[in-house]
Amino acid sequence: MKRFATAALLLTASISPAFAETIEVEMLNKNDAGDRMVFSQELIRAEVGDVIRFVPTDKAHNAQSVKNALPAGQEPFRGKMNQAVEYVVTETGLTAVICAPHQSMGMVALVVVGDDLSNAEQILDARIPGKGGKKIADLVEEARSTIAAETVEPTGNS
């Protein structure tokens, strides 16, 4: 019986990471649309267990969470300049991400985990200067709209 329990535990542990996704987000000086100082994805949809890898495609960037702008229980992260950093998602909710030297220029992203927007006001109250604060507000609104659209029941004639 002990062997069966151990085997079942090992099987479960080996299957769980298979469903996790690694989402790669590049840190760019300029994207294809001509926007400057941006993350390749600004509204990042993820699930608990996913890993978001921020990659410095161009130099002079980092990625980090914003103090008090992440879900309760989620560990903050801070990548070093010009180095990739991985963010392991452990909680549902919203996380604001910035490039510290370029946040005022609008180099921000919003991680949306599940359909949990319960900490949206906390994100909106975060101290993100310049264009970054406006862009975070726009991304929160986009997340709200997207999730609302996904939860609307389709109408049809049955």
N, C-alpha and C. Protein backbone atom coordinates (compact mmCIF):
# COMPACT_ATOMS: atom_id res chain seq x y z
N MET A 1 0.82 -1.19 0.00
CA MET A 1 0.00 0.00 0.00
C MET A 1 0.86 1.26 0.00
N LYS A 2 1.96 1.22 0.76
CA LYS A 2 2.86 2.36 0.84
C LYS A 2 3.47 2.66 -0.53
N ARG A 3 3.82 1.62 -1.27
CA ARG A 3 4.39 1.81 -2.62
C ARG A 3 3.38 2.44 -3.56
N PHE A 4 2.12 2.00 -3.44
CA PHE A 4 1.07 2.54 -4.29
C PHE A 4 0.89 4.04 -4.02
N ALA A 5 0.86 4.42 -2.74
CA ALA A 5 0.70 5.83 -2.38
C ALA A 5 1.87 6.65 -2.89
N THR A 6 3.09 6.13 -2.76
CA THR A 6 4.28 6.83 -3.24
C THR A 6 4.24 6.98 -4.75
N ALA A 7 3.86 5.91 -5.44
CA ALA A 7 3.77 5.95 -6.91
C ALA A 7 2.71 6.95 -7.35
N ALA A 8 1.57 6.97 -6.67
CA ALA A 8 0.50 7.91 -7.02
C ALA A 8 0.96 9.35 -6.81
N LEU A 9 1.67 9.60 -5.71
CA LEU A 9 2.17 10.94 -5.43
C LEU A 9 3.18 11.38 -6.49
N LEU A 10 4.08 10.51 -6.86
CA LEU A 10 5.08 10.83 -7.89
C LEU A 10 4.42 11.08 -9.24
N LEU A 11 3.43 10.28 -9.57
CA LEU A 11 2.72 10.45 -10.84
C LEU A 11 2.01 11.79 -10.87
N THR A 12 1.32 12.14 -9.79
CA THR A 12 0.63 13.42 -9.71
C THR A 12 1.60 14.58 -9.82
N ALA A 13 2.72 14.49 -9.12
CA ALA A 13 3.72 15.56 -9.15
C ALA A 13 4.32 15.72 -10.54
N SER A 14 4.49 14.62 -11.26
CA SER A 14 5.09 14.70 -12.58
C SER A 14 4.11 15.20 -13.63
N ILE A 15 2.81 15.01 -13.39
CA ILE A 15 1.81 15.46 -14.36
C ILE A 15 1.54 16.96 -14.21
N SER A 16 1.47 17.48 -12.98
CA SER A 16 1.10 18.88 -12.73
C SER A 16 1.95 19.87 -13.50
N PRO A 17 3.29 19.78 -13.48
CA PRO A 17 4.08 20.76 -14.22
C PRO A 17 3.87 20.68 -15.73
N ALA A 18 3.37 19.56 -16.23
CA ALA A 18 3.15 19.42 -17.66
C ALA A 18 2.08 20.40 -18.14
N PHE A 19 1.16 20.78 -17.26
CA PHE A 19 0.11 21.71 -17.65
C PHE A 19 0.53 23.16 -17.51
N ALA A 20 1.59 23.41 -16.79
CA ALA A 20 2.09 24.77 -16.62
C ALA A 20 2.70 25.24 -17.94
N GLU A 21 2.59 26.50 -18.17
CA GLU A 21 3.10 27.09 -19.41
C GLU A 21 4.22 28.08 -19.07
N THR A 22 5.20 28.17 -19.95
CA THR A 22 6.20 29.22 -19.83
C THR A 22 5.86 30.28 -20.87
N ILE A 23 5.63 31.48 -20.40
CA ILE A 23 5.26 32.59 -21.26
C ILE A 23 6.48 33.50 -21.36
N GLU A 24 6.97 33.70 -22.56
CA GLU A 24 8.16 34.54 -22.75
C GLU A 24 7.75 35.93 -23.19
N VAL A 25 8.25 36.92 -22.47
CA VAL A 25 7.97 38.33 -22.76
C VAL A 25 9.30 39.03 -22.97
N GLU A 26 9.46 39.67 -24.12
CA GLU A 26 10.71 40.36 -24.43
C GLU A 26 10.65 41.80 -23.93
N MET A 27 11.79 42.31 -23.51
CA MET A 27 11.94 43.71 -23.13
C MET A 27 12.60 44.41 -24.32
N LEU A 28 11.88 45.36 -24.91
CA LEU A 28 12.30 45.93 -26.19
C LEU A 28 12.48 47.44 -26.13
N ASN A 29 13.42 47.93 -26.94
CA ASN A 29 13.55 49.37 -27.14
C ASN A 29 12.46 49.88 -28.07
N LYS A 30 12.02 49.01 -29.00
CA LYS A 30 11.02 49.40 -29.99
C LYS A 30 10.35 48.14 -30.50
N ASN A 31 9.01 48.16 -30.62
CA ASN A 31 8.31 47.01 -31.17
C ASN A 31 8.00 47.23 -32.66
N ASP A 32 7.35 46.26 -33.28
CA ASP A 32 7.05 46.34 -34.71
C ASP A 32 6.12 47.51 -35.06
N ALA A 33 5.31 47.93 -34.11
CA ALA A 33 4.39 49.06 -34.34
C ALA A 33 5.09 50.40 -34.18
N GLY A 34 6.35 50.38 -33.75
CA GLY A 34 7.10 51.62 -33.57
C GLY A 34 7.03 52.20 -32.17
N ASP A 35 6.32 51.50 -31.26
CA ASP A 35 6.26 51.96 -29.88
C ASP A 35 7.62 51.76 -29.22
N ARG A 36 8.05 52.74 -28.44
CA ARG A 36 9.37 52.69 -27.81
C ARG A 36 9.27 52.27 -26.35
N MET A 37 10.32 51.59 -25.88
CA MET A 37 10.43 51.13 -24.49
C MET A 37 9.17 50.38 -24.06
N VAL A 38 9.07 49.13 -24.53
CA VAL A 38 7.87 48.32 -24.29
C VAL A 38 8.23 46.87 -23.98
N PHE A 39 7.29 46.20 -23.34
CA PHE A 39 7.33 44.76 -23.24
C PHE A 39 6.61 44.21 -24.47
N SER A 40 7.04 43.07 -24.98
CA SER A 40 6.42 42.51 -26.18
C SER A 40 4.96 42.15 -25.94
N GLN A 41 4.59 41.82 -24.72
CA GLN A 41 3.19 41.64 -24.32
C GLN A 41 2.95 42.58 -23.15
N GLU A 42 1.89 43.33 -23.23
CA GLU A 42 1.60 44.25 -22.13
C GLU A 42 0.45 43.75 -21.26
N LEU A 43 -0.46 43.00 -21.81
CA LEU A 43 -1.52 42.35 -21.05
C LEU A 43 -1.24 40.85 -21.16
N ILE A 44 -0.77 40.29 -20.08
CA ILE A 44 -0.29 38.90 -20.08
C ILE A 44 -1.30 38.04 -19.34
N ARG A 45 -1.94 37.11 -20.05
CA ARG A 45 -2.88 36.18 -19.42
C ARG A 45 -2.11 34.95 -18.99
N ALA A 46 -2.30 34.54 -17.73
CA ALA A 46 -1.59 33.39 -17.18
C ALA A 46 -2.51 32.64 -16.23
N GLU A 47 -2.05 31.47 -15.81
CA GLU A 47 -2.75 30.66 -14.82
C GLU A 47 -1.77 30.32 -13.71
N VAL A 48 -2.32 29.97 -12.55
CA VAL A 48 -1.47 29.55 -11.43
C VAL A 48 -0.61 28.38 -11.90
N GLY A 49 0.67 28.44 -11.60
CA GLY A 49 1.62 27.41 -12.03
C GLY A 49 2.44 27.82 -13.23
N ASP A 50 1.97 28.79 -13.99
CA ASP A 50 2.72 29.25 -15.16
C ASP A 50 3.98 30.00 -14.71
N VAL A 51 4.93 30.06 -15.61
CA VAL A 51 6.16 30.82 -15.39
C VAL A 51 6.21 31.89 -16.49
N ILE A 52 6.40 33.13 -16.08
CA ILE A 52 6.54 34.21 -17.05
C ILE A 52 8.01 34.59 -17.05
N ARG A 53 8.62 34.46 -18.20
CA ARG A 53 10.06 34.73 -18.35
C ARG A 53 10.22 36.03 -19.11
N PHE A 54 10.79 37.02 -18.44
CA PHE A 54 11.07 38.32 -19.05
C PHE A 54 12.50 38.29 -19.58
N VAL A 55 12.66 38.53 -20.87
CA VAL A 55 13.95 38.40 -21.54
C VAL A 55 14.40 39.76 -22.07
N PRO A 56 15.60 40.21 -21.69
CA PRO A 56 16.10 41.51 -22.16
C PRO A 56 16.64 41.42 -23.59
N THR A 57 15.74 41.48 -24.56
CA THR A 57 16.14 41.42 -25.96
C THR A 57 17.05 42.59 -26.30
N ASP A 58 16.70 43.76 -25.79
CA ASP A 58 17.53 44.95 -25.95
C ASP A 58 18.12 45.29 -24.58
N LYS A 59 19.22 46.03 -24.58
CA LYS A 59 19.92 46.35 -23.33
C LYS A 59 19.23 47.48 -22.54
N ALA A 60 19.62 47.58 -21.27
CA ALA A 60 19.21 48.63 -20.34
C ALA A 60 17.77 48.46 -19.84
N HIS A 61 17.32 47.20 -19.70
CA HIS A 61 15.98 46.93 -19.20
C HIS A 61 16.04 45.93 -18.05
N ASN A 62 15.03 45.99 -17.21
CA ASN A 62 14.78 44.96 -16.22
C ASN A 62 13.27 44.77 -16.14
N ALA A 63 12.84 43.77 -15.40
CA ALA A 63 11.42 43.56 -15.13
C ALA A 63 11.28 43.29 -13.64
N GLN A 64 10.28 43.92 -13.04
CA GLN A 64 10.06 43.72 -11.62
C GLN A 64 8.61 44.02 -11.28
N SER A 65 8.14 43.40 -10.20
CA SER A 65 6.80 43.70 -9.71
C SER A 65 6.83 45.04 -8.99
N VAL A 66 5.66 45.59 -8.76
CA VAL A 66 5.51 46.88 -8.10
C VAL A 66 5.03 46.64 -6.68
N LYS A 67 5.66 47.31 -5.73
CA LYS A 67 5.29 47.17 -4.32
C LYS A 67 3.79 47.42 -4.14
N ASN A 68 3.14 46.53 -3.43
CA ASN A 68 1.69 46.60 -3.14
C ASN A 68 0.81 46.52 -4.38
N ALA A 69 1.33 46.00 -5.49
CA ALA A 69 0.53 45.89 -6.71
C ALA A 69 0.60 44.46 -7.25
N LEU A 70 0.33 43.51 -6.34
CA LEU A 70 0.27 42.10 -6.71
C LEU A 70 -0.68 41.40 -5.74
N PRO A 71 -1.16 40.21 -6.10
CA PRO A 71 -2.13 39.53 -5.24
C PRO A 71 -1.53 39.14 -3.88
N ALA A 72 -2.38 39.08 -2.87
CA ALA A 72 -1.96 38.63 -1.55
C ALA A 72 -1.38 37.23 -1.66
N GLY A 73 -0.22 37.03 -1.05
CA GLY A 73 0.43 35.72 -1.08
C GLY A 73 1.41 35.53 -2.22
N GLN A 74 1.35 36.37 -3.23
CA GLN A 74 2.26 36.26 -4.38
C GLN A 74 3.59 36.89 -4.01
N GLU A 75 4.67 36.17 -4.26
CA GLU A 75 6.01 36.70 -3.98
C GLU A 75 6.38 37.77 -5.01
N PRO A 76 6.90 38.90 -4.57
CA PRO A 76 7.38 39.91 -5.52
C PRO A 76 8.65 39.42 -6.22
N PHE A 77 8.98 40.06 -7.31
CA PHE A 77 10.22 39.71 -8.02
C PHE A 77 10.89 40.98 -8.51
N ARG A 78 12.20 40.88 -8.70
CA ARG A 78 12.97 42.03 -9.20
C ARG A 78 14.14 41.47 -10.01
N GLY A 79 14.08 41.66 -11.31
CA GLY A 79 15.17 41.22 -12.18
C GLY A 79 16.29 42.23 -12.21
N LYS A 80 17.49 41.75 -12.42
CA LYS A 80 18.64 42.64 -12.55
C LYS A 80 18.69 43.21 -13.96
N MET A 81 19.34 44.34 -14.09
CA MET A 81 19.48 45.00 -15.38
C MET A 81 20.15 44.06 -16.39
N ASN A 82 19.58 43.98 -17.58
CA ASN A 82 20.12 43.20 -18.69
C ASN A 82 20.14 41.70 -18.43
N GLN A 83 19.32 41.22 -17.49
CA GLN A 83 19.27 39.78 -17.21
C GLN A 83 17.82 39.30 -17.24
N ALA A 84 17.64 38.08 -17.74
CA ALA A 84 16.31 37.48 -17.74
C ALA A 84 15.89 37.20 -16.30
N VAL A 85 14.59 37.26 -16.08
CA VAL A 85 14.04 36.93 -14.76
C VAL A 85 12.75 36.13 -14.98
N GLU A 86 12.54 35.16 -14.11
CA GLU A 86 11.32 34.35 -14.18
C GLU A 86 10.42 34.67 -13.00
N TYR A 87 9.15 34.76 -13.29
CA TYR A 87 8.11 35.05 -12.30
C TYR A 87 7.21 33.84 -12.26
N VAL A 88 7.20 33.13 -11.15
CA VAL A 88 6.37 31.94 -11.00
C VAL A 88 5.04 32.37 -10.40
N VAL A 89 3.96 32.11 -11.11
CA VAL A 89 2.63 32.52 -10.69
C VAL A 89 2.09 31.54 -9.65
N THR A 90 1.78 32.06 -8.46
CA THR A 90 1.25 31.21 -7.40
C THR A 90 -0.15 31.61 -6.94
N GLU A 91 -0.62 32.79 -7.34
CA GLU A 91 -1.91 33.30 -6.86
C GLU A 91 -2.70 33.90 -8.02
N THR A 92 -4.03 33.84 -7.94
CA THR A 92 -4.86 34.52 -8.93
C THR A 92 -4.90 36.01 -8.60
N GLY A 93 -5.18 36.81 -9.62
CA GLY A 93 -5.28 38.26 -9.44
C GLY A 93 -4.40 38.99 -10.45
N LEU A 94 -4.15 40.24 -10.18
CA LEU A 94 -3.40 41.11 -11.07
C LEU A 94 -2.04 41.45 -10.47
N THR A 95 -1.04 41.53 -11.33
CA THR A 95 0.30 41.97 -10.93
C THR A 95 0.78 43.03 -11.91
N ALA A 96 1.17 44.18 -11.38
CA ALA A 96 1.77 45.23 -12.20
C ALA A 96 3.26 44.94 -12.33
N VAL A 97 3.78 45.05 -13.57
CA VAL A 97 5.19 44.82 -13.85
C VAL A 97 5.74 46.07 -14.52
N ILE A 98 6.95 46.46 -14.11
CA ILE A 98 7.59 47.64 -14.70
C ILE A 98 9.01 47.31 -15.11
N CYS A 99 9.53 48.13 -16.01
CA CYS A 99 10.97 48.24 -16.24
C CYS A 99 11.35 49.50 -15.47
N ALA A 100 12.13 49.33 -14.39
CA ALA A 100 12.41 50.46 -13.49
C ALA A 100 12.92 51.71 -14.20
N PRO A 101 13.91 51.61 -15.11
CA PRO A 101 14.39 52.85 -15.72
C PRO A 101 13.44 53.47 -16.75
N HIS A 102 12.44 52.70 -17.22
CA HIS A 102 11.59 53.21 -18.30
C HIS A 102 10.10 53.22 -17.96
N GLN A 103 9.74 53.02 -16.69
CA GLN A 103 8.33 53.00 -16.33
C GLN A 103 7.64 54.32 -16.63
N SER A 104 8.33 55.44 -16.43
CA SER A 104 7.70 56.73 -16.68
C SER A 104 7.48 56.97 -18.18
N MET A 105 8.17 56.19 -19.00
CA MET A 105 7.98 56.27 -20.46
C MET A 105 6.88 55.31 -20.91
N GLY A 106 6.33 54.54 -19.96
CA GLY A 106 5.23 53.63 -20.29
C GLY A 106 5.63 52.18 -20.43
N MET A 107 6.83 51.81 -20.00
CA MET A 107 7.25 50.41 -20.11
C MET A 107 6.74 49.64 -18.90
N VAL A 108 5.47 49.21 -19.04
CA VAL A 108 4.77 48.48 -17.99
C VAL A 108 3.99 47.34 -18.62
N ALA A 109 3.62 46.39 -17.77
CA ALA A 109 2.77 45.28 -18.21
C ALA A 109 1.86 44.90 -17.06
N LEU A 110 0.79 44.19 -17.38
CA LEU A 110 -0.15 43.72 -16.37
C LEU A 110 -0.34 42.23 -16.56
N VAL A 111 -0.08 41.47 -15.50
CA VAL A 111 -0.31 40.03 -15.52
C VAL A 111 -1.69 39.78 -14.94
N VAL A 112 -2.52 39.05 -15.68
CA VAL A 112 -3.87 38.71 -15.26
C VAL A 112 -3.92 37.20 -15.07
N VAL A 113 -4.15 36.77 -13.83
CA VAL A 113 -4.16 35.34 -13.52
C VAL A 113 -5.59 34.93 -13.20
N GLY A 114 -6.11 34.00 -14.01
CA GLY A 114 -7.50 33.61 -13.86
C GLY A 114 -8.39 34.77 -14.25
N ASP A 115 -9.59 34.78 -13.71
CA ASP A 115 -10.52 35.89 -13.97
C ASP A 115 -10.68 36.75 -12.73
N ASP A 116 -9.66 36.75 -11.87
CA ASP A 116 -9.70 37.44 -10.59
C ASP A 116 -9.21 38.87 -10.73
N LEU A 117 -10.13 39.81 -10.61
CA LEU A 117 -9.79 41.23 -10.68
C LEU A 117 -9.95 41.90 -9.32
N SER A 118 -9.98 41.11 -8.27
CA SER A 118 -10.29 41.63 -6.94
C SER A 118 -9.28 42.66 -6.43
N ASN A 119 -8.06 42.66 -6.95
CA ASN A 119 -7.07 43.65 -6.49
C ASN A 119 -6.84 44.76 -7.53
N ALA A 120 -7.82 44.99 -8.39
CA ALA A 120 -7.68 46.01 -9.43
C ALA A 120 -7.48 47.41 -8.83
N GLU A 121 -8.22 47.75 -7.80
CA GLU A 121 -8.06 49.08 -7.19
C GLU A 121 -6.67 49.25 -6.59
N GLN A 122 -6.14 48.17 -6.03
CA GLN A 122 -4.78 48.19 -5.48
C GLN A 122 -3.78 48.49 -6.59
N ILE A 123 -3.97 47.91 -7.76
CA ILE A 123 -3.09 48.16 -8.91
C ILE A 123 -3.21 49.63 -9.33
N LEU A 124 -4.44 50.13 -9.39
CA LEU A 124 -4.66 51.51 -9.81
C LEU A 124 -4.09 52.51 -8.82
N ASP A 125 -3.99 52.12 -7.55
CA ASP A 125 -3.43 53.00 -6.53
C ASP A 125 -1.90 52.94 -6.45
N ALA A 126 -1.29 52.02 -7.19
CA ALA A 126 0.17 51.87 -7.15
C ALA A 126 0.84 53.14 -7.67
N ARG A 127 2.01 53.40 -7.16
CA ARG A 127 2.74 54.60 -7.58
C ARG A 127 3.62 54.28 -8.78
N ILE A 128 3.06 54.51 -9.94
CA ILE A 128 3.79 54.31 -11.20
C ILE A 128 3.79 55.65 -11.91
N PRO A 129 4.95 56.27 -12.07
CA PRO A 129 5.00 57.63 -12.61
C PRO A 129 4.78 57.72 -14.12
N GLY A 130 4.41 58.92 -14.54
CA GLY A 130 4.35 59.25 -15.96
C GLY A 130 3.38 58.41 -16.76
N LYS A 131 3.79 58.10 -17.99
CA LYS A 131 2.97 57.33 -18.91
C LYS A 131 2.69 55.92 -18.38
N GLY A 132 3.56 55.41 -17.51
CA GLY A 132 3.36 54.07 -16.97
C GLY A 132 2.08 53.95 -16.17
N GLY A 133 1.77 54.97 -15.36
CA GLY A 133 0.54 54.95 -14.57
C GLY A 133 -0.70 54.95 -15.44
N LYS A 134 -0.68 55.77 -16.49
CA LYS A 134 -1.81 55.83 -17.43
C LYS A 134 -1.96 54.50 -18.16
N LYS A 135 -0.83 53.92 -18.58
CA LYS A 135 -0.90 52.67 -19.31
C LYS A 135 -1.41 51.53 -18.42
N ILE A 136 -0.99 51.50 -17.15
CA ILE A 136 -1.49 50.47 -16.22
C ILE A 136 -3.00 50.61 -16.07
N ALA A 137 -3.49 51.84 -15.95
CA ALA A 137 -4.94 52.06 -15.84
C ALA A 137 -5.66 51.56 -17.09
N ASP A 138 -5.08 51.81 -18.26
CA ASP A 138 -5.66 51.32 -19.52
C ASP A 138 -5.65 49.79 -19.57
N LEU A 139 -4.57 49.19 -19.08
CA LEU A 139 -4.48 47.72 -19.08
C LEU A 139 -5.47 47.10 -18.11
N VAL A 140 -5.69 47.71 -16.96
CA VAL A 140 -6.70 47.22 -16.02
C VAL A 140 -8.08 47.28 -16.67
N GLU A 141 -8.36 48.39 -17.35
CA GLU A 141 -9.66 48.52 -18.04
C GLU A 141 -9.80 47.47 -19.14
N GLU A 142 -8.72 47.24 -19.88
CA GLU A 142 -8.75 46.22 -20.94
C GLU A 142 -8.99 44.83 -20.33
N ALA A 143 -8.36 44.54 -19.20
CA ALA A 143 -8.57 43.25 -18.52
C ALA A 143 -10.03 43.12 -18.09
N ARG A 144 -10.58 44.18 -17.52
CA ARG A 144 -11.99 44.16 -17.11
C ARG A 144 -12.91 43.89 -18.29
N SER A 145 -12.66 44.59 -19.40
CA SER A 145 -13.49 44.41 -20.60
C SER A 145 -13.37 43.01 -21.17
N THR A 146 -12.14 42.52 -21.22
CA THR A 146 -11.90 41.19 -21.78
C THR A 146 -12.59 40.11 -20.95
N ILE A 147 -12.44 40.19 -19.65
CA ILE A 147 -13.05 39.18 -18.77
C ILE A 147 -14.57 39.29 -18.80
N ALA A 148 -15.10 40.51 -18.84
CA ALA A 148 -16.55 40.69 -18.93
C ALA A 148 -17.08 40.09 -20.23
N ALA A 149 -16.36 40.30 -21.33
CA ALA A 149 -16.79 39.76 -22.62
C ALA A 149 -16.76 38.23 -22.62
N GLU A 150 -15.79 37.65 -21.92
CA GLU A 150 -15.68 36.19 -21.87
C GLU A 150 -16.79 35.57 -21.03
N THR A 151 -17.33 36.31 -20.08
CA THR A 151 -18.34 35.75 -19.19
C THR A 151 -19.77 35.99 -19.68
N VAL A 152 -19.94 36.78 -20.72
CA VAL A 152 -21.27 37.03 -21.27
C VAL A 152 -21.74 35.77 -21.98
N GLU A 153 -22.96 35.36 -21.64
CA GLU A 153 -23.53 34.18 -22.28
C GLU A 153 -23.94 34.53 -23.70
N PRO A 154 -23.59 33.67 -24.66
CA PRO A 154 -24.01 33.95 -26.04
C PRO A 154 -25.53 33.78 -26.15
N THR A 155 -26.15 34.66 -26.92
CA THR A 155 -27.59 34.55 -27.15
C THR A 155 -27.81 33.76 -28.42
N GLY A 156 -28.84 33.02 -28.42
CA GLY A 156 -29.12 32.22 -29.62
C GLY A 156 -30.53 31.67 -29.54
N ASN A 157 -30.99 31.23 -30.64
CA ASN A 157 -32.32 30.65 -30.71
C ASN A 157 -32.19 29.16 -30.63
N SER A 158 -32.72 28.57 -29.57
CA SER A 158 -32.63 27.13 -29.42
C SER A 158 -33.96 26.49 -29.64
